[in-house]
Amino acid sequence: MSTTDLSSATWRKSTRSNGQASCVEVADLDGGHRAVRDSKNPTGPALIIPSTQWAAFTTALRTDDL
């Protein structure tokens, strides 16, 4: 099992979070990959999502295709 070092990742919340506590945070990684974590648990696990899957996910969100 490989791990990704996220210690220098720059995390951001959606502008639509409106300061609410229940949010996810996303960090851009090398190669266009993304890391996603629960903002309430910043030291907890993060999902690493390949760039192609992230693109498909965000396209589906924008086109309301979920």
N, C-alpha and C. Protein backbone atom coordinates (compact mmCIF):
# COMPACT_ATOMS: atom_id res chain seq x y z
N MET A 1 0.84 -1.17 0.00
CA MET A 1 0.00 0.00 0.00
C MET A 1 0.89 1.24 0.00
N SER A 2 0.67 2.15 -0.91
CA SER A 2 1.47 3.37 -0.95
C SER A 2 0.73 4.49 -0.22
N THR A 3 1.49 5.47 0.24
CA THR A 3 0.89 6.63 0.90
C THR A 3 1.35 7.89 0.19
N THR A 4 0.57 8.92 0.30
CA THR A 4 0.90 10.21 -0.29
C THR A 4 1.15 11.18 0.85
N ASP A 5 2.26 11.89 0.79
CA ASP A 5 2.59 12.89 1.80
C ASP A 5 1.74 14.14 1.57
N LEU A 6 0.85 14.44 2.50
CA LEU A 6 -0.03 15.59 2.38
C LEU A 6 0.34 16.71 3.34
N SER A 7 1.52 16.61 3.95
CA SER A 7 1.92 17.59 4.96
C SER A 7 2.07 19.00 4.40
N SER A 8 2.37 19.14 3.13
CA SER A 8 2.52 20.48 2.55
C SER A 8 1.35 20.84 1.62
N ALA A 9 0.30 20.04 1.65
CA ALA A 9 -0.86 20.31 0.80
C ALA A 9 -1.56 21.59 1.24
N THR A 10 -2.08 22.32 0.27
CA THR A 10 -2.87 23.51 0.55
C THR A 10 -4.34 23.14 0.39
N TRP A 11 -5.05 23.11 1.50
CA TRP A 11 -6.44 22.69 1.52
C TRP A 11 -7.37 23.89 1.34
N ARG A 12 -8.50 23.65 0.68
CA ARG A 12 -9.49 24.71 0.51
C ARG A 12 -10.89 24.11 0.63
N LYS A 13 -11.81 24.95 1.09
CA LYS A 13 -13.22 24.57 1.17
C LYS A 13 -13.96 25.21 0.01
N SER A 14 -15.09 24.66 -0.31
CA SER A 14 -15.94 25.23 -1.34
C SER A 14 -16.41 26.62 -0.91
N THR A 15 -16.53 27.51 -1.87
CA THR A 15 -17.07 28.83 -1.58
C THR A 15 -18.54 28.73 -1.20
N ARG A 16 -19.17 27.62 -1.48
CA ARG A 16 -20.57 27.40 -1.14
C ARG A 16 -20.75 26.87 0.28
N SER A 17 -19.68 26.68 1.01
CA SER A 17 -19.79 26.13 2.36
C SER A 17 -20.38 27.13 3.34
N ASN A 18 -20.29 28.41 3.05
CA ASN A 18 -20.86 29.47 3.89
C ASN A 18 -20.40 29.38 5.34
N GLY A 19 -19.19 28.90 5.56
CA GLY A 19 -18.66 28.84 6.92
C GLY A 19 -19.24 27.74 7.77
N GLN A 20 -20.03 26.86 7.20
CA GLN A 20 -20.61 25.77 7.97
C GLN A 20 -19.52 24.79 8.37
N ALA A 21 -19.74 24.11 9.47
CA ALA A 21 -18.74 23.18 9.99
C ALA A 21 -18.67 21.88 9.17
N SER A 22 -19.75 21.47 8.58
CA SER A 22 -19.79 20.20 7.87
C SER A 22 -19.40 20.38 6.41
N CYS A 23 -18.12 20.34 6.15
CA CYS A 23 -17.62 20.56 4.79
C CYS A 23 -16.53 19.55 4.47
N VAL A 24 -16.25 19.43 3.21
CA VAL A 24 -15.06 18.71 2.80
C VAL A 24 -14.05 19.74 2.32
N GLU A 25 -12.79 19.37 2.38
CA GLU A 25 -11.72 20.21 1.88
C GLU A 25 -11.02 19.45 0.77
N VAL A 26 -10.50 20.20 -0.19
CA VAL A 26 -9.83 19.61 -1.35
C VAL A 26 -8.44 20.23 -1.48
N ALA A 27 -7.47 19.41 -1.86
CA ALA A 27 -6.12 19.90 -2.14
C ALA A 27 -5.69 19.41 -3.51
N ASP A 28 -5.05 20.28 -4.27
CA ASP A 28 -4.49 19.91 -5.57
C ASP A 28 -3.18 19.17 -5.34
N LEU A 29 -2.98 18.08 -6.06
CA LEU A 29 -1.76 17.29 -5.96
C LEU A 29 -1.07 17.22 -7.32
N ASP A 30 0.12 16.68 -7.33
CA ASP A 30 0.86 16.51 -8.59
C ASP A 30 0.05 15.67 -9.57
N GLY A 31 0.20 15.96 -10.84
CA GLY A 31 -0.45 15.18 -11.88
C GLY A 31 -1.94 15.44 -12.01
N GLY A 32 -2.44 16.50 -11.36
CA GLY A 32 -3.86 16.81 -11.44
C GLY A 32 -4.74 16.03 -10.49
N HIS A 33 -4.13 15.17 -9.68
CA HIS A 33 -4.90 14.41 -8.69
C HIS A 33 -5.40 15.35 -7.61
N ARG A 34 -6.40 14.90 -6.85
CA ARG A 34 -6.94 15.69 -5.75
C ARG A 34 -6.98 14.83 -4.49
N ALA A 35 -6.83 15.49 -3.36
CA ALA A 35 -7.04 14.86 -2.06
C ALA A 35 -8.29 15.50 -1.47
N VAL A 36 -9.12 14.69 -0.83
CA VAL A 36 -10.36 15.17 -0.23
C VAL A 36 -10.40 14.67 1.20
N ARG A 37 -10.75 15.58 2.13
CA ARG A 37 -10.84 15.18 3.54
C ARG A 37 -12.02 15.89 4.20
N ASP A 38 -12.39 15.39 5.36
CA ASP A 38 -13.44 15.97 6.18
C ASP A 38 -12.85 17.16 6.95
N SER A 39 -13.44 18.33 6.80
CA SER A 39 -12.89 19.52 7.46
C SER A 39 -12.94 19.43 8.98
N LYS A 40 -13.84 18.60 9.51
CA LYS A 40 -13.93 18.45 10.96
C LYS A 40 -12.81 17.56 11.51
N ASN A 41 -12.13 16.84 10.63
CA ASN A 41 -11.09 15.90 11.05
C ASN A 41 -9.86 16.07 10.16
N PRO A 42 -9.18 17.21 10.23
CA PRO A 42 -8.09 17.49 9.31
C PRO A 42 -6.88 16.56 9.44
N THR A 43 -6.75 15.87 10.56
CA THR A 43 -5.64 14.92 10.70
C THR A 43 -6.07 13.50 10.38
N GLY A 44 -7.32 13.34 10.00
CA GLY A 44 -7.83 12.02 9.65
C GLY A 44 -7.47 11.62 8.23
N PRO A 45 -8.10 10.57 7.75
CA PRO A 45 -7.77 10.08 6.41
C PRO A 45 -8.24 11.02 5.31
N ALA A 46 -7.59 10.90 4.17
CA ALA A 46 -7.97 11.67 2.98
C ALA A 46 -8.09 10.70 1.82
N LEU A 47 -9.03 10.96 0.95
CA LEU A 47 -9.17 10.19 -0.28
C LEU A 47 -8.31 10.83 -1.36
N ILE A 48 -7.55 10.04 -2.07
CA ILE A 48 -6.76 10.52 -3.21
C ILE A 48 -7.52 10.11 -4.47
N ILE A 49 -7.88 11.10 -5.27
CA ILE A 49 -8.71 10.85 -6.45
C ILE A 49 -7.90 11.17 -7.70
N PRO A 50 -7.79 10.18 -8.61
CA PRO A 50 -7.05 10.42 -9.87
C PRO A 50 -7.69 11.55 -10.68
N SER A 51 -6.88 12.21 -11.47
CA SER A 51 -7.33 13.39 -12.21
C SER A 51 -8.51 13.09 -13.13
N THR A 52 -8.52 11.95 -13.79
CA THR A 52 -9.62 11.65 -14.71
C THR A 52 -10.93 11.45 -13.96
N GLN A 53 -10.87 10.82 -12.80
CA GLN A 53 -12.08 10.61 -12.01
C GLN A 53 -12.57 11.92 -11.39
N TRP A 54 -11.62 12.79 -11.00
CA TRP A 54 -12.01 14.10 -10.46
C TRP A 54 -12.71 14.92 -11.54
N ALA A 55 -12.18 14.88 -12.76
CA ALA A 55 -12.79 15.62 -13.87
C ALA A 55 -14.20 15.11 -14.15
N ALA A 56 -14.39 13.81 -14.14
CA ALA A 56 -15.72 13.23 -14.37
C ALA A 56 -16.68 13.63 -13.25
N PHE A 57 -16.21 13.62 -12.01
CA PHE A 57 -17.03 13.98 -10.86
C PHE A 57 -17.46 15.44 -10.94
N THR A 58 -16.53 16.34 -11.18
CA THR A 58 -16.87 17.76 -11.20
C THR A 58 -17.75 18.11 -12.41
N THR A 59 -17.55 17.41 -13.52
CA THR A 59 -18.43 17.61 -14.68
C THR A 59 -19.85 17.17 -14.33
N ALA A 60 -19.98 16.04 -13.67
CA ALA A 60 -21.30 15.56 -13.28
C ALA A 60 -21.98 16.52 -12.30
N LEU A 61 -21.21 17.12 -11.41
CA LEU A 61 -21.80 18.12 -10.51
C LEU A 61 -22.30 19.34 -11.27
N ARG A 62 -21.50 19.82 -12.20
CA ARG A 62 -21.89 21.03 -12.95
C ARG A 62 -23.10 20.78 -13.85
N THR A 63 -23.24 19.57 -14.36
CA THR A 63 -24.34 19.28 -15.29
C THR A 63 -25.52 18.63 -14.58
N ASP A 64 -25.44 18.56 -13.24
CA ASP A 64 -26.51 17.96 -12.42
C ASP A 64 -26.82 16.53 -12.88
N ASP A 65 -25.74 15.77 -13.12
CA ASP A 65 -25.86 14.42 -13.66
C ASP A 65 -25.52 13.35 -12.62
N LEU A 66 -25.76 13.65 -11.35
CA LEU A 66 -25.48 12.64 -10.31
C LEU A 66 -26.73 11.97 -9.85
